Protein backbone atom coordinates (compact mmCIF):
# COMPACT_ATOMS: atom_id res chain seq x y z
CA UNK A 1 -0.14 -0.01 0.08
CA UNK A 2 2.42 2.24 1.00
CA UNK A 3 4.52 1.74 -2.19
CA UNK A 4 1.71 2.27 -4.26
CA UNK A 5 0.67 5.84 -2.64
CA UNK A 6 4.43 6.55 -3.32
CA UNK A 7 4.39 5.67 -7.05
CA UNK A 8 1.51 7.62 -7.11
CA UNK A 9 2.64 10.96 -5.55
CA UNK A 10 5.70 10.45 -6.78
CA UNK A 11 4.90 11.39 -10.07
CA UNK A 12 4.69 15.27 -9.48
CA UNK A 13 7.12 17.30 -7.24
CA UNK A 14 6.30 18.49 -3.56
CA UNK A 15 4.88 21.38 -4.75
CA UNK A 16 2.45 20.65 -7.19
CA UNK A 17 1.56 17.43 -4.50
CA UNK A 18 0.77 20.49 -2.27
CA UNK A 19 -1.14 22.67 -4.60
CA UNK A 20 -3.70 19.70 -5.80
CA UNK A 21 -4.47 18.84 -2.20
CA UNK A 22 -5.30 22.32 -1.34
CA UNK A 23 -7.48 22.85 -4.88
CA UNK A 24 -9.04 19.95 -3.48
CA UNK A 25 -9.85 21.73 -0.05
CA UNK A 26 -11.00 24.42 -1.32
CA UNK A 27 -12.88 22.66 -4.04
CA UNK A 28 -14.80 20.73 -1.45
CA UNK A 29 -15.53 24.02 0.11
CA UNK A 30 -17.08 25.34 -2.96
CA UNK A 31 -19.30 22.29 -3.50
CA UNK A 32 -20.51 22.62 0.42
CA UNK A 33 -21.20 26.08 0.20
CA UNK A 34 -23.57 25.78 -2.71
CA UNK A 35 -25.39 22.83 -1.45
CA UNK A 36 -25.61 25.29 2.25
CA UNK A 37 -23.67 22.35 3.71
CA UNK A 38 -21.22 24.45 5.37
CA UNK A 39 -21.54 28.48 6.20
CA UNK A 40 -19.72 30.03 3.87
CA UNK A 41 -20.84 32.21 0.90
CA UNK A 42 -19.66 30.56 -1.91
CA UNK A 43 -19.27 33.64 -4.49
CA UNK A 44 -17.53 35.34 -1.07
CA UNK A 45 -14.78 31.97 -0.90
CA UNK A 46 -14.46 32.95 -4.91
CA UNK A 47 -13.85 36.10 -4.59
CA UNK A 48 -11.48 36.02 -1.58
CA UNK A 49 -9.60 33.40 -4.01
CA UNK A 50 -9.56 35.81 -6.72
CA UNK A 51 -7.95 38.72 -4.19
CA UNK A 52 -5.77 36.86 -2.48
CA UNK A 53 -3.68 34.47 -5.57
CA UNK A 54 -3.56 38.28 -7.35
CA UNK A 55 -2.24 40.22 -4.59
CA UNK A 56 0.30 37.35 -3.42
CA UNK A 57 1.25 36.25 -7.10
CA UNK A 58 2.21 40.07 -7.78
CA UNK A 59 3.79 41.29 -4.77
CA UNK A 60 6.04 38.06 -5.42
CA UNK A 61 7.27 39.30 -8.64
CA UNK A 62 7.52 42.95 -7.64
CA UNK A 63 9.87 41.88 -4.57
CA UNK A 64 11.67 39.29 -7.40
CA UNK A 65 12.03 41.71 -9.85
CA UNK A 66 13.56 43.78 -7.12
CA UNK A 67 16.19 41.37 -5.72
CA UNK A 68 17.08 40.65 -8.70
CA UNK A 69 16.03 36.88 -8.62
CA UNK A 70 13.45 34.38 -10.75
CA UNK A 71 10.40 34.41 -8.53
CA UNK A 72 8.96 30.79 -7.50
CA UNK A 73 5.33 31.01 -8.84
CA UNK A 74 3.84 28.02 -7.50
CA UNK A 75 5.10 27.95 -4.11
CA UNK A 76 3.10 31.51 -4.05
CA UNK A 77 0.15 30.09 -5.73
CA UNK A 78 0.18 27.55 -2.47
CA UNK A 79 0.60 30.39 -0.05
CA UNK A 80 -2.33 31.94 -1.38
CA UNK A 81 -4.26 28.89 -1.20
CA UNK A 82 -3.73 28.45 2.33
CA UNK A 83 -4.38 32.23 3.30
CA UNK A 84 -7.59 31.63 1.58
CA UNK A 85 -8.32 28.74 3.87
CA UNK A 86 -7.61 30.91 7.03
CA UNK A 87 -9.62 34.48 5.93
CA UNK A 88 -13.55 35.26 5.69
CA UNK A 89 -14.50 33.99 2.93
CA UNK A 90 -16.69 37.55 1.53
CA UNK A 91 -17.34 39.96 -1.03
CA UNK A 92 -17.50 42.83 1.40
CA UNK A 93 -14.74 45.18 0.54
CA UNK A 94 -12.98 45.82 3.36
CA UNK A 95 -12.28 42.44 4.18
CA UNK A 96 -10.74 41.91 0.29
CA UNK A 97 -8.78 44.62 1.25
CA UNK A 98 -7.64 42.76 3.92
CA UNK A 99 -7.48 39.52 2.70
CA UNK A 100 -4.92 41.11 0.10
CA UNK A 101 -2.61 42.58 2.56
CA UNK A 102 -2.22 39.12 4.19
CA UNK A 103 -0.98 37.96 1.15
CA UNK A 104 0.93 40.98 0.21
CA UNK A 105 2.53 40.56 3.68
CA UNK A 106 3.06 36.97 2.98
CA UNK A 107 5.00 37.48 -0.55
CA UNK A 108 7.06 39.85 0.74
CA UNK A 109 8.19 37.54 4.04
CA UNK A 110 10.17 35.41 1.57
CA UNK A 111 12.34 38.24 0.94
CA UNK A 112 12.64 40.48 4.24
CA UNK A 113 12.52 37.72 7.11
CA UNK A 114 15.40 35.41 5.97
CA UNK A 115 18.56 34.61 7.33
CA UNK A 116 21.27 33.71 5.29
CA UNK A 117 18.81 32.69 2.44
CA UNK A 118 16.41 30.88 4.84
CA UNK A 119 12.73 31.37 5.31
CA UNK A 120 12.40 32.27 9.19
CA UNK A 121 8.52 32.29 9.44
CA UNK A 122 5.43 30.49 8.19
CA UNK A 123 4.27 33.09 5.31
CA UNK A 124 0.78 32.67 5.04
CA UNK A 125 0.20 32.61 8.87
CA UNK A 126 2.93 35.77 9.06
CA UNK A 127 0.46 37.53 6.36
CA UNK A 128 -2.78 36.67 8.26
CA UNK A 129 -1.12 37.44 11.34
CA UNK A 130 0.25 40.86 10.53
CA UNK A 131 -3.28 41.28 8.76
CA UNK A 132 -5.22 40.52 11.87
CA UNK A 133 -2.68 43.00 14.04
CA UNK A 134 -3.59 45.98 11.53
CA UNK A 135 -7.35 45.61 12.15
CA UNK A 136 -7.66 44.51 8.22
CA UNK A 137 -8.56 40.49 8.76
CA UNK A 138 -8.91 37.76 11.14
CA UNK A 139 -7.94 33.97 10.82
CA UNK A 140 -11.59 32.48 10.95
CA UNK A 141 -10.15 29.31 9.90
CA UNK A 142 -13.44 28.28 7.98
CA UNK A 143 -11.86 24.83 6.48
CA UNK A 144 -12.19 23.46 10.72
CA UNK A 145 -15.69 22.30 9.64
CA UNK A 146 -16.99 18.57 10.59
CA UNK A 147 -17.78 18.22 6.64
CA UNK A 148 -14.47 19.50 5.83
CA UNK A 149 -12.43 17.22 7.59
CA UNK A 150 -12.42 13.97 5.83
CA UNK A 151 -10.65 15.72 2.31
CA UNK A 152 -8.40 17.74 4.71
CA UNK A 153 -7.56 14.49 6.85
CA UNK A 154 -6.79 12.47 3.50
CA UNK A 155 -4.20 15.80 1.58
CA UNK A 156 -2.52 16.14 4.80
CA UNK A 157 -2.01 12.46 5.73
CA UNK A 158 -0.72 12.57 1.81
CA UNK A 159 1.67 15.73 2.54
CA UNK A 160 2.84 13.91 5.68
CA UNK A 161 3.88 10.86 4.33
CA UNK A 162 5.49 12.15 1.17
CA UNK A 163 7.77 14.42 3.14
CA UNK A 164 7.99 12.03 6.05
CA UNK A 165 7.41 14.17 8.59
CA UNK A 166 3.94 12.04 10.01
CA UNK A 167 5.34 11.99 13.36
CA UNK A 168 5.63 15.76 13.58
CA UNK A 169 2.45 16.15 12.32
CA UNK A 170 0.82 13.70 15.02
CA UNK A 171 2.94 15.42 17.73
CA UNK A 172 0.86 18.75 16.70
CA UNK A 173 -2.72 16.80 16.63
CA UNK A 174 -2.17 14.70 19.74
CA UNK A 175 -0.63 17.27 22.29
CA UNK A 176 -3.49 19.59 20.74
CA UNK A 177 -6.19 17.30 21.08
CA UNK A 178 -5.05 16.49 24.70
CA UNK A 179 -4.88 19.98 25.91
CA UNK A 180 -7.65 21.32 24.22
CA UNK A 181 -9.70 18.29 24.94
CA UNK A 182 -8.74 18.08 28.86
CA UNK A 183 -10.03 21.70 29.02
CA UNK A 184 -13.50 21.21 27.47
CA UNK A 185 -14.06 17.89 29.15
CA UNK A 186 -13.75 20.01 32.47
CA UNK A 187 -16.73 21.91 31.70
CA UNK A 188 -19.20 18.53 31.44
CA UNK A 189 -18.98 17.01 28.25
CA UNK A 190 -18.11 13.43 27.80
CA UNK A 191 -14.57 12.89 27.08
CA UNK A 192 -14.98 11.14 23.92
CA UNK A 193 -17.32 14.43 22.63
CA UNK A 194 -14.58 16.74 24.27
CA UNK A 195 -11.32 15.28 22.60
CA UNK A 196 -13.36 14.24 19.10
CA UNK A 197 -14.68 18.16 19.15
CA UNK A 198 -10.58 19.52 19.03
CA UNK A 199 -10.55 17.15 15.77
CA UNK A 200 -13.93 18.28 14.07
CA UNK A 201 -13.95 22.29 14.99
CA UNK A 202 -10.56 23.20 15.50
CA UNK A 203 -7.96 23.63 12.30
CA UNK A 204 -5.26 21.22 14.36
CA UNK A 205 -5.25 19.08 11.19
CA UNK A 206 -4.88 21.65 8.69
CA UNK A 207 -2.24 23.44 10.55
CA UNK A 208 -0.25 20.33 10.72
CA UNK A 209 -0.39 18.77 7.41
CA UNK A 210 -0.62 22.07 5.15
CA UNK A 211 1.79 24.34 7.39
CA UNK A 212 4.02 23.19 10.09
CA UNK A 213 5.16 20.58 7.12
CA UNK A 214 6.86 23.49 4.97
CA UNK A 215 9.76 22.73 4.58
CA UNK A 216 11.80 26.10 4.02
CA UNK A 217 10.88 27.21 7.49
CA UNK A 218 11.41 23.93 9.78
CA UNK A 219 14.54 23.38 11.13
CA UNK A 220 17.02 20.93 10.21
CA UNK A 221 17.32 17.95 12.74
CA UNK A 222 14.29 15.45 14.03
CA UNK A 223 14.51 16.51 17.33
CA UNK A 224 14.45 20.18 16.46
CA UNK A 225 11.07 19.49 14.54
CA UNK A 226 9.47 18.08 17.34
CA UNK A 227 10.00 20.67 19.55
CA UNK A 228 8.23 23.37 16.72
CA UNK A 229 5.77 20.73 17.25
CA UNK A 230 5.46 20.68 20.80
CA UNK A 231 5.63 24.72 21.10
CA UNK A 232 2.74 25.17 18.24
CA UNK A 233 0.60 22.67 19.87
CA UNK A 234 1.15 24.52 23.72
CA UNK A 235 0.78 27.84 22.35
CA UNK A 236 -2.59 26.80 20.25
CA UNK A 237 -4.05 25.28 23.17
CA UNK A 238 -3.42 27.59 26.20
CA UNK A 239 -5.69 30.63 26.00
CA UNK A 240 -3.80 34.05 26.70
CA UNK A 241 -3.66 37.36 25.70
CA UNK A 242 -0.74 39.44 25.90
CA UNK A 243 -1.45 43.45 24.45
CA UNK A 244 -2.65 43.04 20.62
CA UNK A 245 -1.69 39.42 20.65
CA UNK A 246 -3.69 36.52 21.76
CA UNK A 247 -4.21 32.79 21.05
CA UNK A 248 -4.47 32.01 17.29
CA UNK A 249 -3.14 29.05 15.14
CA UNK A 250 -1.41 31.50 13.33
CA UNK A 251 0.35 33.11 16.12
CA UNK A 252 1.73 29.98 17.28
CA UNK A 253 3.22 28.38 14.21
CA UNK A 254 5.13 32.13 13.64
CA UNK A 255 6.37 31.91 17.51
CA UNK A 256 7.34 28.01 17.00
CA UNK A 257 8.95 28.90 13.72
CA UNK A 258 10.93 31.66 15.30
CA UNK A 259 11.87 29.10 18.38
CA UNK A 260 12.82 26.62 15.49
CA UNK A 261 15.60 29.20 13.93
CA UNK A 262 16.63 29.83 17.48
CA UNK A 263 17.57 26.16 18.39
CA UNK A 264 19.00 25.35 14.84
CA UNK A 265 21.68 28.20 13.89
CA UNK A 266 20.90 27.66 10.65
CA UNK A 267 23.58 29.25 8.66
CA UNK A 268 24.06 29.36 4.53
CA UNK A 269 27.05 29.03 2.64
CA UNK A 270 28.45 29.67 -0.88
CA UNK A 271 30.31 26.60 -3.01
CA UNK A 272 32.70 27.19 -5.73
CA UNK A 273 32.94 24.19 -8.19
CA UNK A 274 36.16 22.92 -9.03
CA UNK A 275 35.36 20.39 -11.08
CA UNK A 276 32.71 17.23 -12.21
CA UNK A 277 33.37 13.79 -13.15
CA UNK A 278 30.51 11.33 -14.96
CA UNK A 279 29.56 8.74 -12.63
CA UNK A 280 27.46 7.01 -15.59
CA UNK A 281 25.82 7.98 -18.61
CA UNK A 282 23.46 9.52 -16.96
CA UNK A 283 24.90 10.91 -13.85
CA UNK A 284 27.55 13.11 -12.69
CA UNK A 285 29.41 14.00 -9.54
CA UNK A 286 30.10 17.77 -8.86
CA UNK A 287 32.80 18.76 -6.24
CA UNK A 288 32.99 22.16 -4.91
CA UNK A 289 34.90 23.95 -2.26
CA UNK A 290 32.93 25.87 0.45
CA UNK A 291 33.14 29.44 1.30
CA UNK A 292 34.14 28.09 4.89
CA UNK A 293 34.34 25.02 7.04
CA UNK A 294 31.07 23.35 6.60
CA UNK A 295 30.54 20.95 9.74
CA UNK A 296 28.43 17.88 8.84
CA UNK A 297 27.65 14.71 9.66
CA UNK A 298 27.92 11.88 6.92
CA UNK A 299 24.46 10.56 5.65
CA UNK A 300 23.47 14.02 5.45
CA UNK A 301 21.99 16.33 2.64
CA UNK A 302 22.38 19.88 1.95
CA UNK A 303 20.29 22.49 -0.47
CA UNK A 304 21.07 24.58 -3.23
CA UNK A 305 20.11 27.55 -4.53
CA UNK A 306 20.73 28.60 -8.23
CA UNK A 307 18.56 31.69 -9.34
CA UNK A 308 17.70 31.01 -12.75
CA UNK A 309 14.41 31.11 -14.72
CA UNK A 310 13.09 27.86 -13.25
CA UNK A 311 11.21 25.73 -14.38
CA UNK A 312 7.99 23.75 -12.13
CA UNK A 313 10.74 22.39 -9.76
CA UNK A 314 12.19 25.61 -8.67
CA UNK A 315 15.52 27.21 -8.02
CA UNK A 316 16.19 24.90 -4.54
CA UNK A 317 16.87 21.07 -4.97
CA UNK A 318 18.14 18.87 -2.25
CA UNK A 319 20.96 16.95 -2.75
CA UNK A 320 22.90 13.96 -0.33
CA UNK A 321 26.73 14.97 0.20
CA UNK A 322 28.29 12.29 -1.15
CA UNK A 323 31.84 12.92 0.32
CA UNK A 324 32.92 12.41 3.42
CA UNK A 325 33.21 15.21 6.42
CA UNK A 326 36.80 14.60 6.34
CA UNK A 327 37.38 15.88 2.67
CA UNK A 328 38.04 19.48 2.26
CA UNK A 329 35.45 19.22 -0.56
CA UNK A 330 32.35 18.99 -0.90
CA UNK A 331 30.63 16.34 -3.73
CA UNK A 332 27.08 15.51 -4.85
CA UNK A 333 26.07 13.06 -7.12
CA UNK A 334 22.96 13.14 -9.12
CA UNK A 335 21.07 12.47 -12.13
CA UNK A 336 21.97 14.19 -15.16
CA UNK A 337 19.48 13.10 -18.20
CA UNK A 338 19.79 15.24 -21.52
CA UNK A 339 15.77 16.04 -20.43
CA UNK A 340 16.51 16.86 -17.15
CA UNK A 341 15.03 19.73 -15.08
CA UNK A 342 16.45 23.70 -15.76
CA UNK A 343 18.25 23.51 -12.08
CA UNK A 344 20.66 20.17 -13.42
CA UNK A 345 20.54 22.01 -16.76
CA UNK A 346 22.05 25.44 -15.37
CA UNK A 347 24.13 23.42 -13.60
CA UNK A 348 25.83 21.34 -15.73
CA UNK A 349 26.55 24.71 -17.75
CA UNK A 350 28.58 26.27 -14.88
CA UNK A 351 31.81 26.81 -15.67
CA UNK A 352 34.38 25.88 -13.29
CA UNK A 353 35.40 28.92 -10.19
CA UNK A 354 31.69 29.71 -10.67
CA UNK A 355 29.85 29.45 -7.28
CA UNK A 356 26.37 28.95 -6.19
CA UNK A 357 24.27 29.07 -2.65
CA UNK A 358 23.88 26.27 -0.50
CA UNK A 359 21.29 27.27 2.54
CA UNK A 360 21.39 24.80 5.22
CA UNK A 361 22.58 21.22 5.66
CA UNK A 362 20.33 18.53 7.02
CA UNK A 363 18.93 15.13 8.26
CA UNK A 364 19.53 12.58 10.56
CA UNK A 365 19.85 9.64 8.72
CA UNK A 366 23.31 8.45 10.37
CA UNK A 367 25.05 5.76 11.14
CA UNK A 368 24.90 3.96 14.08
CA UNK A 369 28.15 5.37 16.52
CA UNK A 370 29.01 1.76 17.36
CA UNK A 371 31.10 0.86 14.75
CA UNK A 372 31.00 -2.85 15.81
CA UNK A 373 27.23 -2.49 14.61
CA UNK A 374 26.64 -4.78 11.65
CA UNK A 375 24.67 -3.14 8.92
CA UNK A 376 22.91 -3.63 5.86
CA UNK A 377 22.39 -0.94 2.92
CA UNK A 378 19.72 -0.89 0.48
CA UNK A 379 20.27 1.80 -2.07
CA UNK A 380 18.43 2.16 -5.46
CA UNK A 381 20.35 3.88 -8.00
CA UNK A 382 21.43 7.77 -7.07
CA UNK A 383 20.04 6.86 -3.48
CA UNK A 384 23.60 5.73 -2.87
CA UNK A 385 24.94 8.67 -1.99
CA UNK A 386 24.39 8.89 1.31
CA UNK A 387 26.30 5.31 2.16
CA UNK A 388 28.86 6.47 0.17
CA UNK A 389 29.39 9.36 2.13
CA UNK A 390 29.43 7.43 5.36
CA UNK A 391 31.22 4.40 4.12
CA UNK A 392 33.76 7.33 2.95
CA UNK A 393 33.88 8.69 6.67
CA UNK A 394 33.89 5.42 7.88
CA UNK A 395 36.80 4.58 6.04
CA UNK A 396 39.02 7.89 6.05
CA UNK A 397 38.78 7.16 10.43
CA UNK A 398 40.07 3.84 10.44
CA UNK A 399 36.72 2.34 11.00
CA UNK A 400 36.30 -1.49 10.28
CA UNK A 401 32.64 -1.89 10.18
CA UNK A 402 30.74 -4.73 8.84
CA UNK A 403 28.25 -3.53 5.90
CA UNK A 404 26.53 -5.46 2.95
CA UNK A 405 25.33 -3.05 0.63
CA UNK A 406 22.42 -4.14 -1.52
CA UNK A 407 22.24 -2.62 -4.56
CA UNK A 408 19.02 -1.68 -6.84
CA UNK A 409 20.23 -0.30 -10.31
CA UNK A 410 18.23 2.48 -12.27
CA UNK A 411 19.85 1.52 -15.16
CA UNK A 412 20.92 -2.08 -16.53
CA UNK A 413 24.37 -2.77 -15.44
CA UNK A 414 25.06 0.17 -13.53
CA UNK A 415 26.23 0.65 -9.81
CA UNK A 416 27.26 4.00 -8.78
CA UNK A 417 29.97 4.78 -6.53
CA UNK A 418 31.00 1.20 -6.35
CA UNK A 419 34.80 1.67 -5.83
CA UNK A 420 34.23 4.04 -2.89
CA UNK A 421 32.10 1.43 -1.11
CA UNK A 422 34.49 -1.54 -1.79
CA UNK A 423 37.11 0.63 -1.05
CA UNK A 424 36.00 0.92 2.56
CA UNK A 425 36.03 -2.66 2.88
CA UNK A 426 31.82 -3.15 2.42
CA UNK A 427 30.36 -6.19 0.72
CA UNK A 428 28.35 -5.07 -2.22
CA UNK A 429 25.78 -6.89 -4.23
CA UNK A 430 23.81 -5.65 -7.08
CA UNK A 431 20.00 -6.56 -7.67
CA UNK A 432 20.01 -6.61 -11.28
CA UNK A 433 15.95 -7.65 -12.66
CA UNK A 434 15.29 -8.70 -9.50
CA UNK A 435 12.32 -7.23 -7.58
CA UNK A 436 12.70 -6.11 -3.90
CA UNK A 437 11.69 -8.97 -1.87
CA UNK A 438 12.09 -10.39 1.62
CA UNK A 439 13.70 -13.31 -0.08
CA UNK A 440 16.04 -11.48 -2.76
CA UNK A 441 17.30 -9.84 0.26
CA UNK A 442 17.71 -12.92 2.40
CA UNK A 443 19.40 -14.76 -1.11
CA UNK A 444 21.76 -11.73 -0.91
CA UNK A 445 22.43 -11.38 2.46
CA UNK A 446 21.60 -14.38 5.01
CA UNK A 447 22.03 -12.84 8.35
CA UNK A 448 19.92 -10.13 7.67
CA UNK A 449 17.66 -10.26 10.85
CA UNK A 450 20.96 -9.86 12.51
CA UNK A 451 21.57 -6.25 10.94
CA UNK A 452 20.61 -2.88 11.28
CA UNK A 453 19.01 -1.88 8.12
CA UNK A 454 19.50 1.80 5.72
CA UNK A 455 17.51 2.47 2.92
CA UNK A 456 17.94 4.95 0.48
CA UNK A 457 16.22 6.02 -2.98
CA UNK A 458 13.49 6.85 -4.93
CA UNK A 459 10.01 6.85 -3.02
CA UNK A 460 8.52 3.38 -4.18
CA UNK A 461 12.07 1.73 -3.83
CA UNK A 462 12.39 2.75 -0.29
CA UNK A 463 8.39 1.73 0.42
CA UNK A 464 8.93 -1.94 -1.13
CA UNK A 465 12.57 -2.61 0.22
CA UNK A 466 11.45 -1.19 3.60
CA UNK A 467 8.38 -3.94 3.98
CA UNK A 468 10.81 -6.77 2.34
CA UNK A 469 13.18 -5.78 5.38
CA UNK A 470 10.49 -6.52 7.89
CA UNK A 471 9.33 -9.48 6.37
CA UNK A 472 12.81 -10.85 6.27
CA UNK A 473 13.10 -10.20 10.13
CA UNK A 474 15.10 -7.01 10.11
CA UNK A 475 13.86 -4.74 13.55
CA UNK A 476 15.29 -1.97 12.95
CA UNK A 477 15.11 -0.33 9.21
CA UNK A 478 15.72 3.24 8.52
CA UNK A 479 14.77 4.98 5.22
CA UNK A 480 15.91 8.30 3.38
CA UNK A 481 14.40 9.40 0.04
CA UNK A 482 13.53 11.76 -1.81
CA UNK A 483 10.67 14.02 -1.78
CA UNK A 484 11.06 15.78 -4.51
CA UNK A 485 10.54 19.52 -3.34
C-alpha cells in the first residue's frame, strides 16, 4: 500500500502535490458552500481566492524583480491557497482588502524575514497574523468544520507521508487534542465528545498537514522539528492575551518557527565549483569548495539555491552529500539526464570557479555510533550517495564496519560509487532485474535479521525495500528518500 501511494504521489513534485491537495480542499469547500452544508458564502470564497491570488502573485513578482531573482510562482500559489482557507470568505470590500494585505505580507516575508537565504516564519501564517494586527482581517480558519475534515485529513496525510513528517504532525495533533480536549472535558461534556470536538472544530489537522510541514521554515534536525510541533501545540492550546496578541494558530506557528530558528542556527554558505566527473551515462558528480568550514555528519544532505528562470521544480534542490566530512571538498552526485530539470541544466553549464549558494545542511540519516553494529544498506540508483559519504568517512577514520550493500540499479549494469563502497571494505551485491523482496534480500544477505538496515532511494523503492526487510526479520529499518521539493 505504501509503495503504491509513493508511486502515485511521486509522479509530481512536492510543490505540485501540495497545490493539488489545497485545490481539492477549496473545491470541496466551494461545493459544500453551494449546497449549504457549511456556512460559507460560495461567491465570497471565489472572490477571496481571486483577490488573494492576484495580491500574492503580484507582490512576489515585484519583490523578485527588486531582488533580481526569478520568482517561484507555484510557491506563491500555495501560499495564496492557504490564506484563502484561513480568512473570511466574503465579497465585502474591506474584508477583501484585508485578505489582499495578508497575501502581500506573506509574499514579502519570503524576501524580508530571511536569514542567509532561509525563510524564518511560515509565509501564510505571517501574512494573516500581520493583517490581523493591523485589524484588516482575522484568521477564522473556516476549513475547520466536520464536513471538511475528510478531504482536509486525506490531503494532510498525503503531504505528511510524502515528506516523511507524519511523526511531527502526530505530535501537534495529539498534544493539541490532549490539552484542549481536557479543558473542554472539565466543563461537563464526555471525554469522547470533548476530545472528538477538537478534531472536528479546531484547525489542528490543517495546521499540521499543510503548514507545520512547510520545509523551508522547519529546522534541520528531527528533535528540533519535534520541538517546533510541541511549541505550536502548546501555544495553540492555552488561552492567553498580551496586548494585541492572543491565542491563535497563526501566532502559535510563527512563534514556534522563531523558536525552531533559534535552536537550529542555520547558516548558509557559498560553494565554488572546482570540477565534475561522470558517474555513468546519466549521472554526474560535482565537487565544490565551501566558502567556510562546513561541519556535517555523513549521511546528511544540503539544499542548493541556484537563481535562474526555473521550471516548476524551482530554484532550490536538495542533494545528499556524497563526500566524507573529512574531505576538504563537498561532492554531490546526481542524475543528469539530457531532458532534466532547468536546475540541472544550468548547473551542468556552470564554468569551474562559479559559485552557488547552499542554504543549509540537514538530516538524521546517520549510522550507529557503535562501529561494531552490523549493517545492511539497500540503495536504489543515485540513492547510494549518503552511503558513499558514510563509508568513505568510516574508511577515513579507520573504522572496520561490517557492512553489506544491496544495490538496486536504475539502469542495467550501473553501480554508482562502487569503488568507494568496496574501498571501504563493504560487500556489494547487485540486484539486477530482480524485485526487492524478502526472499531476494535474504538470498543476498543471509544474516539479514541480525543487521540494522538503512534504505535510500526513490519513494517506491524505499517503500518496497523497507517492507521486504521487515518481512525478512529485520527489526530496525531507517529510511531516506527524495521528497521531490
